[in-house]
Amino acid sequence: QVQLVESGGGLVQAGGSLRLSCRASGRQFTTNAVAWYRQAPGKEREKVAEITHEGKKNYADSVLGRFTIGTDNARNSRWLQMNGLRPEDTGVYYCFAWITWGQGTQVTVSS
């Protein structure tokens, strides 16, 4: 049974950076396909970045130029580098792959 575990969230001031990690257990990341979502309080879960099966990287307009998604096959994980964080980036960030969700990691950006 595959499990995804996110880490790297925390509290950061506006303009700061965080790097989230999504580590898989029970299955090797043999495919590039992964997506990062976030859910702010009272809002719907939204996709912020993804890598497609073809290896193409896509970003939501709100994070384009600030967030970068990547792979770390040596650690069987995927990551999300977040720079220039804004208060509106606050939320729980989830990793999604193989029709499986991680438990999420909280990101809080103070103004």
PDB file of N, CA and C in Angstrom:
ATOM      1  N   GLN A   1       0.862  -1.187   0.000  1.00  0.00           N
ATOM      2  CA  GLN A   1       0.000   0.000   0.000  1.00  0.00           C
ATOM      3  C   GLN A   1       0.894   1.230   0.000  1.00  0.00           C
ATOM      4  N   VAL A   2       0.654   2.127  -0.958  1.00  0.00           N
ATOM      5  CA  VAL A   2       1.487   3.306  -1.070  1.00  0.00           C
ATOM      6  C   VAL A   2       1.020   4.368  -0.072  1.00  0.00           C
ATOM      7  N   GLN A   3       1.982   5.052   0.506  1.00  0.00           N
ATOM      8  CA  GLN A   3       1.699   6.185   1.383  1.00  0.00           C
ATOM      9  C   GLN A   3       2.570   7.358   0.966  1.00  0.00           C
ATOM     10  N   LEU A   4       2.005   8.544   1.077  1.00  0.00           N
ATOM     11  CA  LEU A   4       2.742   9.773   0.796  1.00  0.00           C
ATOM     12  C   LEU A   4       2.797  10.594   2.077  1.00  0.00           C
ATOM     13  N   VAL A   5       3.979  11.061   2.409  1.00  0.00           N
ATOM     14  CA  VAL A   5       4.158  11.849   3.628  1.00  0.00           C
ATOM     15  C   VAL A   5       4.831  13.163   3.268  1.00  0.00           C
ATOM     16  N   GLU A   6       4.121  14.262   3.540  1.00  0.00           N
ATOM     17  CA  GLU A   6       4.678  15.586   3.300  1.00  0.00           C
ATOM     18  C   GLU A   6       5.409  16.082   4.534  1.00  0.00           C
ATOM     19  N   SER A   7       6.387  16.919   4.297  1.00  0.00           N
ATOM     20  CA  SER A   7       7.106  17.580   5.389  1.00  0.00           C
ATOM     21  C   SER A   7       7.649  18.909   4.874  1.00  0.00           C
ATOM     22  N   GLY A   8       8.113  19.726   5.807  1.00  0.00           N
ATOM     23  CA  GLY A   8       8.756  20.977   5.417  1.00  0.00           C
ATOM     24  C   GLY A   8       7.918  22.213   5.633  1.00  0.00           C
ATOM     25  N   GLY A   9       6.672  22.035   6.053  1.00  0.00           N
ATOM     26  CA  GLY A   9       5.844  23.199   6.301  1.00  0.00           C
ATOM     27  C   GLY A   9       6.284  23.929   7.552  1.00  0.00           C
ATOM     28  N   GLY A  10       5.668  25.073   7.794  1.00  0.00           N
ATOM     29  CA  GLY A  10       6.005  25.847   8.981  1.00  0.00           C
ATOM     30  C   GLY A  10       5.492  27.252   8.897  1.00  0.00           C
ATOM     31  N   LEU A  11       5.982  28.071   9.809  1.00  0.00           N
ATOM     32  CA  LEU A  11       5.610  29.483   9.870  1.00  0.00           C
ATOM     33  C   LEU A  11       6.762  30.305   9.304  1.00  0.00           C
ATOM     34  N   VAL A  12       6.448  31.193   8.392  1.00  0.00           N
ATOM     35  CA  VAL A  12       7.484  32.009   7.761  1.00  0.00           C
ATOM     36  C   VAL A  12       6.928  33.405   7.524  1.00  0.00           C
ATOM     37  N   GLN A  13       7.798  34.389   7.528  1.00  0.00           N
ATOM     38  CA  GLN A  13       7.367  35.750   7.236  1.00  0.00           C
ATOM     39  C   GLN A  13       7.202  35.937   5.726  1.00  0.00           C
ATOM     40  N   ALA A  14       6.378  36.899   5.367  1.00  0.00           N
ATOM     41  CA  ALA A  14       6.193  37.221   3.953  1.00  0.00           C
ATOM     42  C   ALA A  14       7.541  37.514   3.306  1.00  0.00           C
ATOM     43  N   GLY A  15       7.722  36.970   2.113  1.00  0.00           N
ATOM     44  CA  GLY A  15       8.993  37.107   1.415  1.00  0.00           C
ATOM     45  C   GLY A  15       9.954  35.958   1.651  1.00  0.00           C
ATOM     46  N   GLY A  16       9.633  35.140   2.622  1.00  0.00           N
ATOM     47  CA  GLY A  16      10.504  34.016   2.959  1.00  0.00           C
ATOM     48  C   GLY A  16      10.305  32.821   2.040  1.00  0.00           C
ATOM     49  N   SER A  17      11.019  31.749   2.375  1.00  0.00           N
ATOM     50  CA  SER A  17      11.000  30.544   1.551  1.00  0.00           C
ATOM     51  C   SER A  17      10.785  29.303   2.404  1.00  0.00           C
ATOM     52  N   LEU A  18      10.202  28.305   1.790  1.00  0.00           N
ATOM     53  CA  LEU A  18      10.075  26.973   2.378  1.00  0.00           C
ATOM     54  C   LEU A  18      10.246  25.947   1.269  1.00  0.00           C
ATOM     55  N   ARG A  19      10.702  24.778   1.650  1.00  0.00           N
ATOM     56  CA  ARG A  19      10.811  23.672   0.700  1.00  0.00           C
ATOM     57  C   ARG A  19      10.040  22.493   1.262  1.00  0.00           C
ATOM     58  N   LEU A  20       8.999  22.118   0.564  1.00  0.00           N
ATOM     59  CA  LEU A  20       8.185  20.981   0.971  1.00  0.00           C
ATOM     60  C   LEU A  20       8.695  19.713   0.298  1.00  0.00           C
ATOM     61  N   SER A  21       8.563  18.615   1.014  1.00  0.00           N
ATOM     62  CA  SER A  21       8.967  17.322   0.481  1.00  0.00           C
ATOM     63  C   SER A  21       7.806  16.343   0.570  1.00  0.00           C
ATOM     64  N   CYS A  22       7.703  15.490  -0.398  1.00  0.00           N
ATOM     65  CA  CYS A  22       6.680  14.440  -0.431  1.00  0.00           C
ATOM     66  C   CYS A  22       7.408  13.125  -0.635  1.00  0.00           C
ATOM     67  N   ARG A  23       7.455  12.333   0.419  1.00  0.00           N
ATOM     68  CA  ARG A  23       8.183  11.071   0.368  1.00  0.00           C
ATOM     69  C   ARG A  23       7.203   9.918   0.233  1.00  0.00           C
ATOM     70  N   ALA A  24       7.491   9.007  -0.677  1.00  0.00           N
ATOM     71  CA  ALA A  24       6.616   7.861  -0.906  1.00  0.00           C
ATOM     72  C   ALA A  24       7.159   6.628  -0.203  1.00  0.00           C
ATOM     73  N   SER A  25       6.260   5.838   0.342  1.00  0.00           N
ATOM     74  CA  SER A  25       6.626   4.527   0.872  1.00  0.00           C
ATOM     75  C   SER A  25       5.675   3.504   0.285  1.00  0.00           C
ATOM     76  N   GLY A  26       6.174   2.299   0.078  1.00  0.00           N
ATOM     77  CA  GLY A  26       5.351   1.244  -0.486  1.00  0.00           C
ATOM     78  C   GLY A  26       5.375   1.189  -1.995  1.00  0.00           C
ATOM     79  N   ARG A  27       6.028   2.179  -2.609  1.00  0.00           N
ATOM     80  CA  ARG A  27       6.095   2.207  -4.074  1.00  0.00           C
ATOM     81  C   ARG A  27       7.197   3.176  -4.474  1.00  0.00           C
ATOM     82  N   GLN A  28       7.890   2.845  -5.539  1.00  0.00           N
ATOM     83  CA  GLN A  28       8.924   3.735  -6.049  1.00  0.00           C
ATOM     84  C   GLN A  28       8.321   4.745  -7.000  1.00  0.00           C
ATOM     85  N   PHE A  29       8.825   5.971  -6.927  1.00  0.00           N
ATOM     86  CA  PHE A  29       8.430   7.004  -7.869  1.00  0.00           C
ATOM     87  C   PHE A  29       9.097   6.709  -9.215  1.00  0.00           C
ATOM     88  N   THR A  30       8.496   5.810  -9.981  1.00  0.00           N
ATOM     89  CA  THR A  30       9.037   5.510 -11.300  1.00  0.00           C
ATOM     90  C   THR A  30       8.438   6.408 -12.367  1.00  0.00           C
ATOM     91  N   THR A  31       7.444   7.167 -11.962  1.00  0.00           N
ATOM     92  CA  THR A  31       6.846   8.116 -12.880  1.00  0.00           C
ATOM     93  C   THR A  31       7.091   9.523 -12.354  1.00  0.00           C
ATOM     94  N   ASN A  32       7.180  10.469 -13.268  1.00  0.00           N
ATOM     95  CA  ASN A  32       7.326  11.857 -12.843  1.00  0.00           C
ATOM     96  C   ASN A  32       6.046  12.424 -12.247  1.00  0.00           C
ATOM     97  N   ALA A  33       4.909  11.862 -12.637  1.00  0.00           N
ATOM     98  CA  ALA A  33       3.626  12.488 -12.359  1.00  0.00           C
ATOM     99  C   ALA A  33       3.372  12.664 -10.870  1.00  0.00           C
ATOM    100  N   VAL A  34       3.206  13.897 -10.497  1.00  0.00           N
ATOM    101  CA  VAL A  34       2.879  14.247  -9.122  1.00  0.00           C
ATOM    102  C   VAL A  34       2.278  15.651  -9.154  1.00  0.00           C
ATOM    103  N   ALA A  35       1.469  15.947  -8.165  1.00  0.00           N
ATOM    104  CA  ALA A  35       0.899  17.289  -8.079  1.00  0.00           C
ATOM    105  C   ALA A  35       0.915  17.749  -6.631  1.00  0.00           C
ATOM    106  N   TRP A  36       1.055  19.042  -6.473  1.00  0.00           N
ATOM    107  CA  TRP A  36       0.921  19.680  -5.169  1.00  0.00           C
ATOM    108  C   TRP A  36      -0.354  20.514  -5.182  1.00  0.00           C
ATOM    109  N   TYR A  37      -1.138  20.338  -4.139  1.00  0.00           N
ATOM    110  CA  TYR A  37      -2.358  21.110  -3.942  1.00  0.00           C
ATOM    111  C   TYR A  37      -2.236  21.873  -2.632  1.00  0.00           C
ATOM    112  N   ARG A  38      -3.073  22.863  -2.478  1.00  0.00           N
ATOM    113  CA  ARG A  38      -3.182  23.531  -1.188  1.00  0.00           C
ATOM    114  C   ARG A  38      -4.647  23.858  -0.918  1.00  0.00           C
ATOM    115  N   GLN A  39      -4.926  23.946   0.370  1.00  0.00           N
ATOM    116  CA  GLN A  39      -6.277  24.301   0.788  1.00  0.00           C
ATOM    117  C   GLN A  39      -6.190  25.333   1.895  1.00  0.00           C
ATOM    118  N   ALA A  40      -6.706  26.515   1.603  1.00  0.00           N
ATOM    119  CA  ALA A  40      -6.752  27.590   2.587  1.00  0.00           C
ATOM    120  C   ALA A  40      -8.032  27.448   3.399  1.00  0.00           C
ATOM    121  N   PRO A  41      -8.066  27.987   4.606  1.00  0.00           N
ATOM    122  CA  PRO A  41      -9.272  27.888   5.435  1.00  0.00           C
ATOM    123  C   PRO A  41     -10.494  28.437   4.704  1.00  0.00           C
ATOM    124  N   GLY A  42     -11.540  27.632   4.673  1.00  0.00           N
ATOM    125  CA  GLY A  42     -12.789  28.070   4.056  1.00  0.00           C
ATOM    126  C   GLY A  42     -12.797  28.063   2.540  1.00  0.00           C
ATOM    127  N   LYS A  43     -11.727  27.537   1.931  1.00  0.00           N
ATOM    128  CA  LYS A  43     -11.647  27.536   0.473  1.00  0.00           C
ATOM    129  C   LYS A  43     -11.506  26.112  -0.054  1.00  0.00           C
ATOM    130  N   GLU A  44     -11.739  25.981  -1.352  1.00  0.00           N
ATOM    131  CA  GLU A  44     -11.597  24.676  -1.993  1.00  0.00           C
ATOM    132  C   GLU A  44     -10.107  24.346  -2.179  1.00  0.00           C
ATOM    133  N   ARG A  45      -9.836  23.063  -2.251  1.00  0.00           N
ATOM    134  CA  ARG A  45      -8.472  22.631  -2.525  1.00  0.00           C
ATOM    135  C   ARG A  45      -8.132  22.980  -3.978  1.00  0.00           C
ATOM    136  N   GLU A  46      -6.946  23.560  -4.184  1.00  0.00           N
ATOM    137  CA  GLU A  46      -6.551  23.959  -5.530  1.00  0.00           C
ATOM    138  C   GLU A  46      -5.174  23.399  -5.857  1.00  0.00           C
ATOM    139  N   LYS A  47      -4.984  23.118  -7.128  1.00  0.00           N
ATOM    140  CA  LYS A  47      -3.688  22.617  -7.573  1.00  0.00           C
ATOM    141  C   LYS A  47      -2.757  23.805  -7.757  1.00  0.00           C
ATOM    142  N   VAL A  48      -1.542  23.703  -7.243  1.00  0.00           N
ATOM    143  CA  VAL A  48      -0.595  24.800  -7.404  1.00  0.00           C
ATOM    144  C   VAL A  48       0.548  24.438  -8.352  1.00  0.00           C
ATOM    145  N   ALA A  49       0.875  23.153  -8.444  1.00  0.00           N
ATOM    146  CA  ALA A  49       1.961  22.754  -9.335  1.00  0.00           C
ATOM    147  C   ALA A  49       1.840  21.276  -9.636  1.00  0.00           C
ATOM    148  N   GLU A  50       2.324  20.888 -10.794  1.00  0.00           N
ATOM    149  CA  GLU A  50       2.308  19.479 -11.160  1.00  0.00           C
ATOM    150  C   GLU A  50       3.439  19.168 -12.124  1.00  0.00           C
ATOM    151  N   ILE A  51       3.801  17.892 -12.138  1.00  0.00           N
ATOM    152  CA  ILE A  51       4.650  17.350 -13.190  1.00  0.00           C
ATOM    153  C   ILE A  51       3.811  16.282 -13.872  1.00  0.00           C
ATOM    154  N   THR A  52       3.672  16.377 -15.177  1.00  0.00           N
ATOM    155  CA  THR A  52       2.859  15.410 -15.904  1.00  0.00           C
ATOM    156  C   THR A  52       3.660  14.132 -16.172  1.00  0.00           C
ATOM    157  N   HIS A  53       2.978  13.125 -16.673  1.00  0.00           N
ATOM    158  CA  HIS A  53       3.658  11.872 -17.037  1.00  0.00           C
ATOM    159  C   HIS A  53       4.759  12.118 -18.069  1.00  0.00           C
ATOM    160  N   GLU A  54       4.553  13.142 -18.903  1.00  0.00           N
ATOM    161  CA  GLU A  54       5.546  13.463 -19.931  1.00  0.00           C
ATOM    162  C   GLU A  54       6.683  14.318 -19.375  1.00  0.00           C
ATOM    163  N   GLY A  55       6.601  14.663 -18.082  1.00  0.00           N
ATOM    164  CA  GLY A  55       7.664  15.452 -17.475  1.00  0.00           C
ATOM    165  C   GLY A  55       7.475  16.948 -17.590  1.00  0.00           C
ATOM    166  N   LYS A  56       6.322  17.383 -18.082  1.00  0.00           N
ATOM    167  CA  LYS A  56       6.062  18.813 -18.218  1.00  0.00           C
ATOM    168  C   LYS A  56       5.649  19.378 -16.857  1.00  0.00           C
ATOM    169  N   LYS A  57       6.166  20.557 -16.548  1.00  0.00           N
ATOM    170  CA  LYS A  57       5.836  21.209 -15.278  1.00  0.00           C
ATOM    171  C   LYS A  57       4.834  22.328 -15.530  1.00  0.00           C
ATOM    172  N   ASN A  58       3.776  22.306 -14.753  1.00  0.00           N
ATOM    173  CA  ASN A  58       2.743  23.327 -14.861  1.00  0.00           C
ATOM    174  C   ASN A  58       2.529  23.975 -13.504  1.00  0.00           C
ATOM    175  N   TYR A  59       2.204  25.248 -13.515  1.00  0.00           N
ATOM    176  CA  TYR A  59       2.004  26.003 -12.284  1.00  0.00           C
ATOM    177  C   TYR A  59       0.734  26.833 -12.367  1.00  0.00           C
ATOM    178  N   ALA A  60       0.101  26.999 -11.218  1.00  0.00           N
ATOM    179  CA  ALA A  60      -1.013  27.938 -11.146  1.00  0.00           C
ATOM    180  C   ALA A  60      -0.473  29.344 -11.359  1.00  0.00           C
ATOM    181  N   ASP A  61      -1.300  30.195 -11.944  1.00  0.00           N
ATOM    182  CA  ASP A  61      -0.872  31.574 -12.210  1.00  0.00           C
ATOM    183  C   ASP A  61      -0.414  32.274 -10.930  1.00  0.00           C
ATOM    184  N   SER A  62      -1.054  31.951  -9.816  1.00  0.00           N
ATOM    185  CA  SER A  62      -0.772  32.646  -8.554  1.00  0.00           C
ATOM    186  C   SER A  62       0.615  32.334  -8.003  1.00  0.00           C
ATOM    187  N   VAL A  63       1.240  31.241  -8.464  1.00  0.00           N
ATOM    188  CA  VAL A  63       2.549  30.864  -7.925  1.00  0.00           C
ATOM    189  C   VAL A  63       3.643  30.871  -8.992  1.00  0.00           C
ATOM    190  N   LEU A  64       3.264  31.125 -10.232  1.00  0.00           N
ATOM    191  CA  LEU A  64       4.223  31.098 -11.334  1.00  0.00           C
ATOM    192  C   LEU A  64       5.358  32.091 -11.084  1.00  0.00           C
ATOM    193  N   GLY A  65       6.564  31.588 -11.227  1.00  0.00           N
ATOM    194  CA  GLY A  65       7.734  32.419 -11.007  1.00  0.00           C
ATOM    195  C   GLY A  65       8.222  32.420  -9.572  1.00  0.00           C
ATOM    196  N   ARG A  66       7.432  31.891  -8.658  1.00  0.00           N
ATOM    197  CA  ARG A  66       7.819  31.845  -7.244  1.00  0.00           C
ATOM    198  C   ARG A  66       8.025  30.420  -6.753  1.00  0.00           C
ATOM    199  N   PHE A  67       7.232  29.485  -7.253  1.00  0.00           N
ATOM    200  CA  PHE A  67       7.302  28.088  -6.822  1.00  0.00           C
ATOM    201  C   PHE A  67       7.967  27.257  -7.917  1.00  0.00           C
ATOM    202  N   THR A  68       8.697  26.219  -7.474  1.00  0.00           N
ATOM    203  CA  THR A  68       9.315  25.283  -8.399  1.00  0.00           C
ATOM    204  C   THR A  68       9.079  23.873  -7.897  1.00  0.00           C
ATOM    205  N   ILE A  69       8.649  23.001  -8.799  1.00  0.00           N
ATOM    206  CA  ILE A  69       8.403  21.603  -8.449  1.00  0.00           C
ATOM    207  C   ILE A  69       9.540  20.765  -9.007  1.00  0.00           C
ATOM    208  N   GLY A  70       9.930  19.730  -8.258  1.00  0.00           N
ATOM    209  CA  GLY A  70      11.047  18.923  -8.714  1.00  0.00           C
ATOM    210  C   GLY A  70      11.003  17.503  -8.167  1.00  0.00           C
ATOM    211  N   THR A  71      11.968  16.723  -8.610  1.00  0.00           N
ATOM    212  CA  THR A  71      12.029  15.314  -8.238  1.00  0.00           C
ATOM    213  C   THR A  71      13.354  14.995  -7.553  1.00  0.00           C
ATOM    214  N   ASP A  72      13.316  14.018  -6.681  1.00  0.00           N
ATOM    215  CA  ASP A  72      14.514  13.513  -5.999  1.00  0.00           C
ATOM    216  C   ASP A  72      14.378  12.006  -5.930  1.00  0.00           C
ATOM    217  N   ASN A  73      14.749  11.342  -7.002  1.00  0.00           N
ATOM    218  CA  ASN A  73      14.557   9.890  -7.069  1.00  0.00           C
ATOM    219  C   ASN A  73      15.429   9.139  -6.065  1.00  0.00           C
ATOM    220  N   ALA A  74      16.572   9.708  -5.715  1.00  0.00           N
ATOM    221  CA  ALA A  74      17.439   9.047  -4.728  1.00  0.00           C
ATOM    222  C   ALA A  74      16.741   8.903  -3.384  1.00  0.00           C
ATOM    223  N   ARG A  75      15.888   9.867  -3.067  1.00  0.00           N
ATOM    224  CA  ARG A  75      15.124   9.824  -1.807  1.00  0.00           C
ATOM    225  C   ARG A  75      13.689   9.384  -2.029  1.00  0.00           C
ATOM    226  N   ASN A  76      13.389   8.953  -3.249  1.00  0.00           N
ATOM    227  CA  ASN A  76      12.008   8.543  -3.578  1.00  0.00           C
ATOM    228  C   ASN A  76      11.014   9.625  -3.159  1.00  0.00           C
ATOM    229  N   SER A  77      11.308  10.841  -3.540  1.00  0.00           N
ATOM    230  CA  SER A  77      10.452  11.936  -3.108  1.00  0.00           C
ATOM    231  C   SER A  77      10.313  12.986  -4.206  1.00  0.00           C
ATOM    232  N   ARG A  78       9.355  13.845  -4.020  1.00  0.00           N
ATOM    233  CA  ARG A  78       9.130  15.006  -4.872  1.00  0.00           C
ATOM    234  C   ARG A  78       9.110  16.231  -3.961  1.00  0.00           C
ATOM    235  N   TRP A  79       9.495  17.378  -4.485  1.00  0.00           N
ATOM    236  CA  TRP A  79       9.584  18.554  -3.628  1.00  0.00           C
ATOM    237  C   TRP A  79       8.932  19.757  -4.282  1.00  0.00           C
ATOM    238  N   LEU A  80       8.657  20.757  -3.451  1.00  0.00           N
ATOM    239  CA  LEU A  80       8.100  22.013  -3.920  1.00  0.00           C
ATOM    240  C   LEU A  80       8.870  23.132  -3.228  1.00  0.00           C
ATOM    241  N   GLN A  81       9.659  23.844  -3.990  1.00  0.00           N
ATOM    242  CA  GLN A  81      10.393  24.997  -3.466  1.00  0.00           C
ATOM    243  C   GLN A  81       9.513  26.217  -3.598  1.00  0.00           C
ATOM    244  N   MET A  82       9.297  26.911  -2.491  1.00  0.00           N
ATOM    245  CA  MET A  82       8.409  28.063  -2.480  1.00  0.00           C
ATOM    246  C   MET A  82       9.201  29.278  -2.033  1.00  0.00           C
ATOM    247  N   ASN A  83       9.354  30.228  -2.931  1.00  0.00           N
ATOM    248  CA  ASN A  83      10.059  31.472  -2.636  1.00  0.00           C
ATOM    249  C   ASN A  83       9.096  32.651  -2.711  1.00  0.00           C
ATOM    250  N   GLY A  84       9.497  33.753  -2.128  1.00  0.00           N
ATOM    251  CA  GLY A  84       8.653  34.936  -2.179  1.00  0.00           C
ATOM    252  C   GLY A  84       7.267  34.690  -1.619  1.00  0.00           C
ATOM    253  N   LEU A  85       7.200  33.988  -0.505  1.00  0.00           N
ATOM    254  CA  LEU A  85       5.897  33.613   0.039  1.00  0.00           C
ATOM    255  C   LEU A  85       5.080  34.824   0.458  1.00  0.00           C
ATOM    256  N   ARG A  86       3.772  34.673   0.289  1.00  0.00           N
ATOM    257  CA  ARG A  86       2.815  35.734   0.604  1.00  0.00           C
ATOM    258  C   ARG A  86       1.791  35.198   1.595  1.00  0.00           C
ATOM    259  N   PRO A  87       1.148  36.086   2.346  1.00  0.00           N
ATOM    260  CA  PRO A  87       0.119  35.606   3.283  1.00  0.00           C
ATOM    261  C   PRO A  87      -0.957  34.760   2.596  1.00  0.00           C
ATOM    262  N   GLU A  88      -1.277  35.061   1.361  1.00  0.00           N
ATOM    263  CA  GLU A  88      -2.300  34.290   0.651  1.00  0.00           C
ATOM    264  C   GLU A  88      -1.829  32.890   0.255  1.00  0.00           C
ATOM    265  N   ASP A  89      -0.574  32.581   0.472  1.00  0.00           N
ATOM    266  CA  ASP A  89      -0.079  31.219   0.249  1.00  0.00           C
ATOM    267  C   ASP A  89      -0.353  30.319   1.454  1.00  0.00           C
ATOM    268  N   THR A  90      -0.854  30.897   2.517  1.00  0.00           N
ATOM    269  CA  THR A  90      -1.151  30.117   3.715  1.00  0.00           C
ATOM    270  C   THR A  90      -2.184  29.040   3.435  1.00  0.00           C
ATOM    271  N   GLY A  91      -1.930  27.853   3.981  1.00  0.00           N
ATOM    272  CA  GLY A  91      -2.857  26.749   3.809  1.00  0.00           C
ATOM    273  C   GLY A  91      -2.189  25.425   4.116  1.00  0.00           C
ATOM    274  N   VAL A  92      -2.946  24.363   3.959  1.00  0.00           N
ATOM    275  CA  VAL A  92      -2.388  23.025   4.088  1.00  0.00           C
ATOM    276  C   VAL A  92      -2.015  22.551   2.689  1.00  0.00           C
ATOM    277  N   TYR A  93      -0.794  22.101   2.546  1.00  0.00           N
ATOM    278  CA  TYR A  93      -0.285  21.663   1.251  1.00  0.00           C
ATOM    279  C   TYR A  93      -0.253  20.137   1.199  1.00  0.00           C
ATOM    280  N   TYR A  94      -0.791  19.619   0.111  1.00  0.00           N
ATOM    281  CA  TYR A  94      -0.918  18.177  -0.069  1.00  0.00           C
ATOM    282  C   TYR A  94      -0.171  17.731  -1.322  1.00  0.00           C
ATOM    283  N   CYS A  95       0.387  16.558  -1.214  1.00  0.00           N
ATOM    284  CA  CYS A  95       1.004  15.885  -2.344  1.00  0.00           C
ATOM    285  C   CYS A  95      -0.011  14.866  -2.881  1.00  0.00           C
ATOM    286  N   PHE A  96      -0.051  14.697  -4.202  1.00  0.00           N
ATOM    287  CA  PHE A  96      -0.998  13.768  -4.813  1.00  0.00           C
ATOM    288  C   PHE A  96      -0.299  12.997  -5.911  1.00  0.00           C
ATOM    289  N   ALA A  97      -0.343  11.655  -5.802  1.00  0.00           N
ATOM    290  CA  ALA A  97       0.218  10.789  -6.832  1.00  0.00           C
ATOM    291  C   ALA A  97      -0.436   9.421  -6.702  1.00  0.00           C
ATOM    292  N   TRP A  98      -0.570   8.702  -7.809  1.00  0.00           N
ATOM    293  CA  TRP A  98      -1.175   7.362  -7.826  1.00  0.00           C
ATOM    294  C   TRP A  98      -2.542   7.339  -7.155  1.00  0.00           C
ATOM    295  N   ILE A  99      -3.307   8.372  -7.381  1.00  0.00           N
ATOM    296  CA  ILE A  99      -4.646   8.503  -6.795  1.00  0.00           C
ATOM    297  C   ILE A  99      -4.570   8.415  -5.272  1.00  0.00           C
ATOM    298  N   THR A 100      -3.504   8.924  -4.725  1.00  0.00           N
ATOM    299  CA  THR A 100      -3.277   8.882  -3.284  1.00  0.00           C
ATOM    300  C   THR A 100      -2.914  10.272  -2.789  1.00  0.00           C
ATOM    301  N   TRP A 101      -3.497  10.650  -1.654  1.00  0.00           N
ATOM    302  CA  TRP A 101      -3.187  11.932  -1.020  1.00  0.00           C
ATOM    303  C   TRP A 101      -2.295  11.705   0.192  1.00  0.00           C
ATOM    304  N   GLY A 102      -1.400  12.662   0.403  1.00  0.00           N
ATOM    305  CA  GLY A 102      -0.686  12.681   1.667  1.00  0.00           C
ATOM    306  C   GLY A 102      -1.571  13.297   2.737  1.00  0.00           C
ATOM    307  N   GLN A 103      -1.037  13.385   3.953  1.00  0.00           N
ATOM    308  CA  GLN A 103      -1.824  13.914   5.065  1.00  0.00           C
ATOM    309  C   GLN A 103      -1.782  15.431   5.120  1.00  0.00           C
ATOM    310  N   GLY A 104      -0.866  16.025   4.385  1.00  0.00           N
ATOM    311  CA  GLY A 104      -0.764  17.474   4.323  1.00  0.00           C
ATOM    312  C   GLY A 104       0.246  18.040   5.302  1.00  0.00           C
ATOM    313  N   THR A 105       0.750  19.210   4.975  1.00  0.00           N
ATOM    314  CA  THR A 105       1.664  19.941   5.851  1.00  0.00           C
ATOM    315  C   THR A 105       1.237  21.407   5.853  1.00  0.00           C
ATOM    316  N   GLN A 106       1.193  21.987   7.045  1.00  0.00           N
ATOM    317  CA  GLN A 106       0.687  23.354   7.196  1.00  0.00           C
ATOM    318  C   GLN A 106       1.766  24.374   6.833  1.00  0.00           C
ATOM    319  N   VAL A 107       1.373  25.334   6.013  1.00  0.00           N
ATOM    320  CA  VAL A 107       2.229  26.473   5.685  1.00  0.00           C
ATOM    321  C   VAL A 107       1.495  27.729   6.122  1.00  0.00           C
ATOM    322  N   THR A 108       2.159  28.517   6.957  1.00  0.00           N
ATOM    323  CA  THR A 108       1.577  29.770   7.422  1.00  0.00           C
ATOM    324  C   THR A 108       2.544  30.906   7.119  1.00  0.00           C
ATOM    325  N   VAL A 109       2.058  31.900   6.398  1.00  0.00           N
ATOM    326  CA  VAL A 109       2.882  33.043   6.028  1.00  0.00           C
ATOM    327  C   VAL A 109       2.328  34.274   6.721  1.00  0.00           C
ATOM    328  N   SER A 110       3.149  34.872   7.567  1.00  0.00           N
ATOM    329  CA  SER A 110       2.715  36.057   8.306  1.00  0.00           C
ATOM    330  C   SER A 110       3.104  37.320   7.548  1.00  0.00           C
ATOM    331  N   SER A 111       2.286  38.349   7.715  1.00  0.00           N
ATOM    332  CA  SER A 111       2.541  39.614   6.994  1.00  0.00           C
ATOM    333  C   SER A 111       3.434  40.538   7.802  1.00  0.00           C
TER     334      SER A 111
END
